[in-house]
Amino acid sequence: MTEQQIINGRKVWIKVEPYHVKRSNPNIIPIEYFTASYFLQQPTSDDAGGEPVNDDDGKQKLFESPVAALSYTEKKLEKML
């Protein structure tokens, strides 16, 4: 899902995608997380990635819900733009 937002007067696009955690033990229920990335220009159908939202260690940040991913990314972009 890609959603257009206006943050600090600029159009940005936030893309949220499911991220499936693979477990080595088949008896553990897989957990689904979400990742977020953003675009400062309107993405085309060829734009697969965007700028990923990373955690403090530089790894892609995982969110428990799409709403959490959007909210965090919006706040991050408010500080950046």
PDB file of N, CA and C in Angstrom:
ATOM      1  N   MET A   1       0.851  -1.154   0.000  1.00  0.00           N
ATOM      2  CA  MET A   1       0.000   0.000   0.000  1.00  0.00           C
ATOM      3  C   MET A   1       0.904   1.227   0.000  1.00  0.00           C
ATOM      4  N   THR A   2       0.615   2.162  -0.870  1.00  0.00           N
ATOM      5  CA  THR A   2       1.336   3.427  -0.925  1.00  0.00           C
ATOM      6  C   THR A   2       0.337   4.556  -0.703  1.00  0.00           C
ATOM      7  N   GLU A   3       0.647   5.418   0.242  1.00  0.00           N
ATOM      8  CA  GLU A   3      -0.260   6.503   0.595  1.00  0.00           C
ATOM      9  C   GLU A   3       0.451   7.843   0.438  1.00  0.00           C
ATOM     10  N   GLN A   4      -0.236   8.789  -0.199  1.00  0.00           N
ATOM     11  CA  GLN A   4       0.322  10.129  -0.352  1.00  0.00           C
ATOM     12  C   GLN A   4      -0.023  10.957   0.880  1.00  0.00           C
ATOM     13  N   GLN A   5       0.964  11.706   1.368  1.00  0.00           N
ATOM     14  CA  GLN A   5       0.783  12.587   2.515  1.00  0.00           C
ATOM     15  C   GLN A   5       1.355  13.959   2.166  1.00  0.00           C
ATOM     16  N   ILE A   6       0.902  14.971   2.836  1.00  0.00           N
ATOM     17  CA  ILE A   6       1.531  16.281   2.742  1.00  0.00           C
ATOM     18  C   ILE A   6       2.105  16.582   4.120  1.00  0.00           C
ATOM     19  N   ILE A   7       3.426  16.680   4.164  1.00  0.00           N
ATOM     20  CA  ILE A   7       4.132  16.889   5.425  1.00  0.00           C
ATOM     21  C   ILE A   7       4.972  18.147   5.277  1.00  0.00           C
ATOM     22  N   ASN A   8       4.751  19.084   6.162  1.00  0.00           N
ATOM     23  CA  ASN A   8       5.451  20.375   6.119  1.00  0.00           C
ATOM     24  C   ASN A   8       5.343  21.008   4.730  1.00  0.00           C
ATOM     25  N   GLY A   9       4.176  20.882   4.118  1.00  0.00           N
ATOM     26  CA  GLY A   9       3.918  21.496   2.825  1.00  0.00           C
ATOM     27  C   GLY A   9       4.467  20.751   1.624  1.00  0.00           C
ATOM     28  N   ARG A  10       5.075  19.597   1.837  1.00  0.00           N
ATOM     29  CA  ARG A  10       5.637  18.805   0.729  1.00  0.00           C
ATOM     30  C   ARG A  10       4.875  17.504   0.558  1.00  0.00           C
ATOM     31  N   LYS A  11       4.687  17.124  -0.694  1.00  0.00           N
ATOM     32  CA  LYS A  11       4.071  15.826  -0.971  1.00  0.00           C
ATOM     33  C   LYS A  11       5.115  14.735  -0.788  1.00  0.00           C
ATOM     34  N   VAL A  12       4.734  13.712  -0.061  1.00  0.00           N
ATOM     35  CA  VAL A  12       5.570  12.524   0.108  1.00  0.00           C
ATOM     36  C   VAL A  12       4.678  11.308  -0.039  1.00  0.00           C
ATOM     37  N   TRP A  13       5.290  10.191  -0.374  1.00  0.00           N
ATOM     38  CA  TRP A  13       4.553   8.947  -0.513  1.00  0.00           C
ATOM     39  C   TRP A  13       5.178   7.940   0.433  1.00  0.00           C
ATOM     40  N   ILE A  14       4.327   7.316   1.229  1.00  0.00           N
ATOM     41  CA  ILE A  14       4.781   6.316   2.197  1.00  0.00           C
ATOM     42  C   ILE A  14       4.247   4.968   1.757  1.00  0.00           C
ATOM     43  N   LYS A  15       5.164   4.041   1.628  1.00  0.00           N
ATOM     44  CA  LYS A  15       4.799   2.685   1.196  1.00  0.00           C
ATOM     45  C   LYS A  15       4.960   1.740   2.379  1.00  0.00           C
ATOM     46  N   VAL A  16       3.904   1.002   2.682  1.00  0.00           N
ATOM     47  CA  VAL A  16       3.920   0.020   3.775  1.00  0.00           C
ATOM     48  C   VAL A  16       3.703  -1.353   3.160  1.00  0.00           C
ATOM     49  N   GLU A  17       4.570  -2.290   3.528  1.00  0.00           N
ATOM     50  CA  GLU A  17       4.487  -3.645   2.981  1.00  0.00           C
ATOM     51  C   GLU A  17       4.565  -4.673   4.104  1.00  0.00           C
ATOM     52  N   PRO A  18       3.892  -5.799   3.938  1.00  0.00           N
ATOM     53  CA  PRO A  18       4.009  -6.862   4.941  1.00  0.00           C
ATOM     54  C   PRO A  18       5.396  -7.491   4.896  1.00  0.00           C
ATOM     55  N   TYR A  19       5.849  -7.929   6.036  1.00  0.00           N
ATOM     56  CA  TYR A  19       7.145  -8.586   6.171  1.00  0.00           C
ATOM     57  C   TYR A  19       6.899  -9.858   6.981  1.00  0.00           C
ATOM     58  N   HIS A  20       7.065 -10.993   6.352  1.00  0.00           N
ATOM     59  CA  HIS A  20       6.778 -12.268   7.005  1.00  0.00           C
ATOM     60  C   HIS A  20       8.048 -12.816   7.654  1.00  0.00           C
ATOM     61  N   VAL A  21       7.935 -13.193   8.911  1.00  0.00           N
ATOM     62  CA  VAL A  21       9.054 -13.767   9.639  1.00  0.00           C
ATOM     63  C   VAL A  21       8.990 -15.280   9.470  1.00  0.00           C
ATOM     64  N   LYS A  22      10.078 -15.840   8.976  1.00  0.00           N
ATOM     65  CA  LYS A  22      10.144 -17.295   8.797  1.00  0.00           C
ATOM     66  C   LYS A  22      10.734 -17.904  10.058  1.00  0.00           C
ATOM     67  N   ARG A  23      10.060 -18.881  10.577  1.00  0.00           N
ATOM     68  CA  ARG A  23      10.498 -19.547  11.810  1.00  0.00           C
ATOM     69  C   ARG A  23      11.130 -20.891  11.486  1.00  0.00           C
ATOM     70  N   SER A  24      12.195 -21.240  12.192  1.00  0.00           N
ATOM     71  CA  SER A  24      12.849 -22.530  11.971  1.00  0.00           C
ATOM     72  C   SER A  24      12.011 -23.668  12.542  1.00  0.00           C
ATOM     73  N   ASN A  25      11.199 -23.359  13.553  1.00  0.00           N
ATOM     74  CA  ASN A  25      10.334 -24.365  14.156  1.00  0.00           C
ATOM     75  C   ASN A  25       8.937 -24.219  13.539  1.00  0.00           C
ATOM     76  N   PRO A  26       8.447 -25.239  12.836  1.00  0.00           N
ATOM     77  CA  PRO A  26       7.141 -25.131  12.178  1.00  0.00           C
ATOM     78  C   PRO A  26       5.963 -25.044  13.149  1.00  0.00           C
ATOM     79  N   ASN A  27       6.196 -25.334  14.443  1.00  0.00           N
ATOM     80  CA  ASN A  27       5.122 -25.278  15.427  1.00  0.00           C
ATOM     81  C   ASN A  27       4.898 -23.872  15.986  1.00  0.00           C
ATOM     82  N   ILE A  28       5.783 -22.951  15.659  1.00  0.00           N
ATOM     83  CA  ILE A  28       5.629 -21.563  16.097  1.00  0.00           C
ATOM     84  C   ILE A  28       4.847 -20.823  15.024  1.00  0.00           C
ATOM     85  N   ILE A  29       3.829 -20.129  15.448  1.00  0.00           N
ATOM     86  CA  ILE A  29       3.001 -19.379  14.506  1.00  0.00           C
ATOM     87  C   ILE A  29       3.850 -18.278  13.885  1.00  0.00           C
ATOM     88  N   PRO A  30       3.876 -18.196  12.560  1.00  0.00           N
ATOM     89  CA  PRO A  30       4.619 -17.083  11.943  1.00  0.00           C
ATOM     90  C   PRO A  30       3.997 -15.748  12.332  1.00  0.00           C
ATOM     91  N   ILE A  31       4.848 -14.776  12.514  1.00  0.00           N
ATOM     92  CA  ILE A  31       4.390 -13.436  12.876  1.00  0.00           C
ATOM     93  C   ILE A  31       4.593 -12.532  11.672  1.00  0.00           C
ATOM     94  N   GLU A  32       3.602 -11.726  11.395  1.00  0.00           N
ATOM     95  CA  GLU A  32       3.704 -10.777  10.294  1.00  0.00           C
ATOM     96  C   GLU A  32       3.996  -9.393  10.854  1.00  0.00           C
ATOM     97  N   TYR A  33       5.017  -8.784  10.315  1.00  0.00           N
ATOM     98  CA  TYR A  33       5.344  -7.410  10.636  1.00  0.00           C
ATOM     99  C   TYR A  33       5.143  -6.577   9.380  1.00  0.00           C
ATOM    100  N   PHE A  34       5.433  -5.301   9.471  1.00  0.00           N
ATOM    101  CA  PHE A  34       5.320  -4.413   8.325  1.00  0.00           C
ATOM    102  C   PHE A  34       6.569  -3.555   8.254  1.00  0.00           C
ATOM    103  N   THR A  35       6.965  -3.217   7.042  1.00  0.00           N
ATOM    104  CA  THR A  35       8.075  -2.309   6.821  1.00  0.00           C
ATOM    105  C   THR A  35       7.538  -1.063   6.125  1.00  0.00           C
ATOM    106  N   ALA A  36       8.298   0.022   6.222  1.00  0.00           N
ATOM    107  CA  ALA A  36       7.890   1.268   5.579  1.00  0.00           C
ATOM    108  C   ALA A  36       9.061   1.843   4.799  1.00  0.00           C
ATOM    109  N   SER A  37       8.717   2.507   3.727  1.00  0.00           N
ATOM    110  CA  SER A  37       9.691   3.277   2.961  1.00  0.00           C
ATOM    111  C   SER A  37       8.978   4.524   2.464  1.00  0.00           C
ATOM    112  N   TYR A  38       9.761   5.505   2.042  1.00  0.00           N
ATOM    113  CA  TYR A  38       9.134   6.742   1.601  1.00  0.00           C
ATOM    114  C   TYR A  38       9.792   7.240   0.317  1.00  0.00           C
ATOM    115  N   PHE A  39       9.030   8.033  -0.400  1.00  0.00           N
ATOM    116  CA  PHE A  39       9.467   8.645  -1.649  1.00  0.00           C
ATOM    117  C   PHE A  39       9.236  10.147  -1.531  1.00  0.00           C
ATOM    118  N   LEU A  40      10.189  10.940  -1.979  1.00  0.00           N
ATOM    119  CA  LEU A  40      10.025  12.383  -1.986  1.00  0.00           C
ATOM    120  C   LEU A  40       9.522  12.879  -3.339  1.00  0.00           C
ATOM    121  N   GLN A  41       9.490  11.975  -4.325  1.00  0.00           N
ATOM    122  CA  GLN A  41       8.889  12.236  -5.628  1.00  0.00           C
ATOM    123  C   GLN A  41       7.898  11.123  -5.888  1.00  0.00           C
ATOM    124  N   GLN A  42       6.870  11.412  -6.669  1.00  0.00           N
ATOM    125  CA  GLN A  42       5.836  10.412  -6.914  1.00  0.00           C
ATOM    126  C   GLN A  42       6.461   9.166  -7.525  1.00  0.00           C
ATOM    127  N   PRO A  43       6.253   8.028  -6.894  1.00  0.00           N
ATOM    128  CA  PRO A  43       6.831   6.791  -7.423  1.00  0.00           C
ATOM    129  C   PRO A  43       6.120   6.352  -8.700  1.00  0.00           C
ATOM    130  N   THR A  44       6.883   5.740  -9.580  1.00  0.00           N
ATOM    131  CA  THR A  44       6.305   5.137 -10.776  1.00  0.00           C
ATOM    132  C   THR A  44       6.099   3.665 -10.488  1.00  0.00           C
ATOM    133  N   SER A  45       5.502   2.978 -11.408  1.00  0.00           N
ATOM    134  CA  SER A  45       5.270   1.547 -11.199  1.00  0.00           C
ATOM    135  C   SER A  45       6.588   0.780 -11.141  1.00  0.00           C
ATOM    136  N   ASP A  46       7.670   1.373 -11.663  1.00  0.00           N
ATOM    137  CA  ASP A  46       8.974   0.717 -11.639  1.00  0.00           C
ATOM    138  C   ASP A  46       9.702   0.916 -10.314  1.00  0.00           C
ATOM    139  N   ASP A  47       9.268   1.898  -9.523  1.00  0.00           N
ATOM    140  CA  ASP A  47       9.934   2.178  -8.247  1.00  0.00           C
ATOM    141  C   ASP A  47       9.563   1.112  -7.227  1.00  0.00           C
ATOM    142  N   ALA A  48      10.491   0.219  -6.987  1.00  0.00           N
ATOM    143  CA  ALA A  48      10.214  -0.885  -6.080  1.00  0.00           C
ATOM    144  C   ALA A  48      10.517  -0.525  -4.634  1.00  0.00           C
ATOM    145  N   GLY A  49      11.531   0.303  -4.407  1.00  0.00           N
ATOM    146  CA  GLY A  49      11.994   0.456  -3.050  1.00  0.00           C
ATOM    147  C   GLY A  49      11.629   1.712  -2.328  1.00  0.00           C
ATOM    148  N   GLY A  50      12.118   2.824  -2.774  1.00  0.00           N
ATOM    149  CA  GLY A  50      12.002   4.040  -1.989  1.00  0.00           C
ATOM    150  C   GLY A  50      13.103   4.053  -0.952  1.00  0.00           C
ATOM    151  N   GLU A  51      13.048   5.017  -0.067  1.00  0.00           N
ATOM    152  CA  GLU A  51      14.030   5.129   1.010  1.00  0.00           C
ATOM    153  C   GLU A  51      13.488   4.370   2.215  1.00  0.00           C
ATOM    154  N   PRO A  52      14.140   3.270   2.627  1.00  0.00           N
ATOM    155  CA  PRO A  52      13.602   2.488   3.742  1.00  0.00           C
ATOM    156  C   PRO A  52      13.710   3.221   5.073  1.00  0.00           C
ATOM    157  N   VAL A  53      12.776   2.936   5.950  1.00  0.00           N
ATOM    158  CA  VAL A  53      12.807   3.464   7.312  1.00  0.00           C
ATOM    159  C   VAL A  53      13.601   2.456   8.146  1.00  0.00           C
ATOM    160  N   ASN A  54      14.724   2.925   8.699  1.00  0.00           N
ATOM    161  CA  ASN A  54      15.620   2.047   9.445  1.00  0.00           C
ATOM    162  C   ASN A  54      15.562   2.330  10.937  1.00  0.00           C
ATOM    163  N   ASP A  55      15.981   1.330  11.720  1.00  0.00           N
ATOM    164  CA  ASP A  55      16.072   1.513  13.163  1.00  0.00           C
ATOM    165  C   ASP A  55      17.419   2.145  13.504  1.00  0.00           C
ATOM    166  N   ASP A  56      17.736   2.254  14.769  1.00  0.00           N
ATOM    167  CA  ASP A  56      18.970   2.906  15.208  1.00  0.00           C
ATOM    168  C   ASP A  56      20.228   2.147  14.790  1.00  0.00           C
ATOM    169  N   ASP A  57      20.081   0.846  14.500  1.00  0.00           N
ATOM    170  CA  ASP A  57      21.219   0.031  14.081  1.00  0.00           C
ATOM    171  C   ASP A  57      21.399   0.020  12.568  1.00  0.00           C
ATOM    172  N   GLY A  58      20.551   0.740  11.849  1.00  0.00           N
ATOM    173  CA  GLY A  58      20.652   0.783  10.396  1.00  0.00           C
ATOM    174  C   GLY A  58      19.927  -0.338   9.679  1.00  0.00           C
ATOM    175  N   LYS A  59      19.225  -1.175  10.432  1.00  0.00           N
ATOM    176  CA  LYS A  59      18.451  -2.264   9.825  1.00  0.00           C
ATOM    177  C   LYS A  59      17.028  -1.775   9.592  1.00  0.00           C
ATOM    178  N   GLN A  60      16.365  -2.382   8.607  1.00  0.00           N
ATOM    179  CA  GLN A  60      15.000  -1.950   8.319  1.00  0.00           C
ATOM    180  C   GLN A  60      14.110  -2.177   9.537  1.00  0.00           C
ATOM    181  N   LYS A  61      13.416  -1.121   9.942  1.00  0.00           N
ATOM    182  CA  LYS A  61      12.567  -1.155  11.134  1.00  0.00           C
ATOM    183  C   LYS A  61      11.311  -1.973  10.848  1.00  0.00           C
ATOM    184  N   LEU A  62      10.936  -2.823  11.796  1.00  0.00           N
ATOM    185  CA  LEU A  62       9.727  -3.636  11.680  1.00  0.00           C
ATOM    186  C   LEU A  62       8.645  -3.060  12.586  1.00  0.00           C
ATOM    187  N   PHE A  63       7.436  -3.014  12.063  1.00  0.00           N
ATOM    188  CA  PHE A  63       6.290  -2.472  12.788  1.00  0.00           C
ATOM    189  C   PHE A  63       5.246  -3.562  12.963  1.00  0.00           C
ATOM    190  N   GLU A  64       4.469  -3.452  14.036  1.00  0.00           N
ATOM    191  CA  GLU A  64       3.445  -4.456  14.317  1.00  0.00           C
ATOM    192  C   GLU A  64       2.156  -4.235  13.542  1.00  0.00           C
ATOM    193  N   SER A  65       1.983  -3.047  12.972  1.00  0.00           N
ATOM    194  CA  SER A  65       0.761  -2.778  12.199  1.00  0.00           C
ATOM    195  C   SER A  65       1.057  -1.733  11.122  1.00  0.00           C
ATOM    196  N   PRO A  66       0.229  -1.687  10.081  1.00  0.00           N
ATOM    197  CA  PRO A  66       0.404  -0.650   9.066  1.00  0.00           C
ATOM    198  C   PRO A  66       0.232   0.753   9.645  1.00  0.00           C
ATOM    199  N   VAL A  67      -0.667   0.899  10.606  1.00  0.00           N
ATOM    200  CA  VAL A  67      -0.899   2.210  11.228  1.00  0.00           C
ATOM    201  C   VAL A  67       0.357   2.665  11.965  1.00  0.00           C
ATOM    202  N   ALA A  68       1.005   1.768  12.664  1.00  0.00           N
ATOM    203  CA  ALA A  68       2.231   2.110  13.380  1.00  0.00           C
ATOM    204  C   ALA A  68       3.329   2.515  12.396  1.00  0.00           C
ATOM    205  N   ALA A  69       3.414   1.829  11.273  1.00  0.00           N
ATOM    206  CA  ALA A  69       4.421   2.143  10.259  1.00  0.00           C
ATOM    207  C   ALA A  69       4.177   3.538   9.675  1.00  0.00           C
ATOM    208  N   LEU A  70       2.929   3.837   9.342  1.00  0.00           N
ATOM    209  CA  LEU A  70       2.591   5.156   8.801  1.00  0.00           C
ATOM    210  C   LEU A  70       2.870   6.266   9.809  1.00  0.00           C
ATOM    211  N   SER A  71       2.430   6.064  11.025  1.00  0.00           N
ATOM    212  CA  SER A  71       2.581   7.077  12.063  1.00  0.00           C
ATOM    213  C   SER A  71       4.053   7.386  12.330  1.00  0.00           C
ATOM    214  N   TYR A  72       4.863   6.359  12.479  1.00  0.00           N
ATOM    215  CA  TYR A  72       6.288   6.538  12.752  1.00  0.00           C
ATOM    216  C   TYR A  72       6.969   7.261  11.595  1.00  0.00           C
ATOM    217  N   THR A  73       6.650   6.854  10.367  1.00  0.00           N
ATOM    218  CA  THR A  73       7.268   7.451   9.189  1.00  0.00           C
ATOM    219  C   THR A  73       6.852   8.914   9.034  1.00  0.00           C
ATOM    220  N   GLU A  74       5.589   9.204   9.293  1.00  0.00           N
ATOM    221  CA  GLU A  74       5.139  10.590   9.242  1.00  0.00           C
ATOM    222  C   GLU A  74       5.926  11.460  10.232  1.00  0.00           C
ATOM    223  N   LYS A  75       6.096  10.982  11.449  1.00  0.00           N
ATOM    224  CA  LYS A  75       6.828  11.748  12.467  1.00  0.00           C
ATOM    225  C   LYS A  75       8.295  11.924  12.079  1.00  0.00           C
ATOM    226  N   LYS A  76       8.879  10.884  11.511  1.00  0.00           N
ATOM    227  CA  LYS A  76      10.273  10.958  11.075  1.00  0.00           C
ATOM    228  C   LYS A  76      10.418  11.999   9.960  1.00  0.00           C
ATOM    229  N   LEU A  77       9.487  11.991   9.002  1.00  0.00           N
ATOM    230  CA  LEU A  77       9.546  12.928   7.893  1.00  0.00           C
ATOM    231  C   LEU A  77       9.280  14.359   8.346  1.00  0.00           C
ATOM    232  N   GLU A  78       8.445  14.547   9.356  1.00  0.00           N
ATOM    233  CA  GLU A  78       8.190  15.895   9.893  1.00  0.00           C
ATOM    234  C   GLU A  78       9.488  16.511  10.413  1.00  0.00           C
ATOM    235  N   LYS A  79      10.352  15.705  10.993  1.00  0.00           N
ATOM    236  CA  LYS A  79      11.631  16.191  11.508  1.00  0.00           C
ATOM    237  C   LYS A  79      12.642  16.419  10.381  1.00  0.00           C
ATOM    238  N   MET A  80      12.551  15.620   9.327  1.00  0.00           N
ATOM    239  CA  MET A  80      13.517  15.694   8.229  1.00  0.00           C
ATOM    240  C   MET A  80      13.225  16.841   7.250  1.00  0.00           C
ATOM    241  N   LEU A  81      11.946  17.089   6.976  1.00  0.00           N
ATOM    242  CA  LEU A  81      11.586  18.045   5.920  1.00  0.00           C
ATOM    243  C   LEU A  81      11.439  19.450   6.448  1.00  0.00           C
TER     244      LEU A  81
END
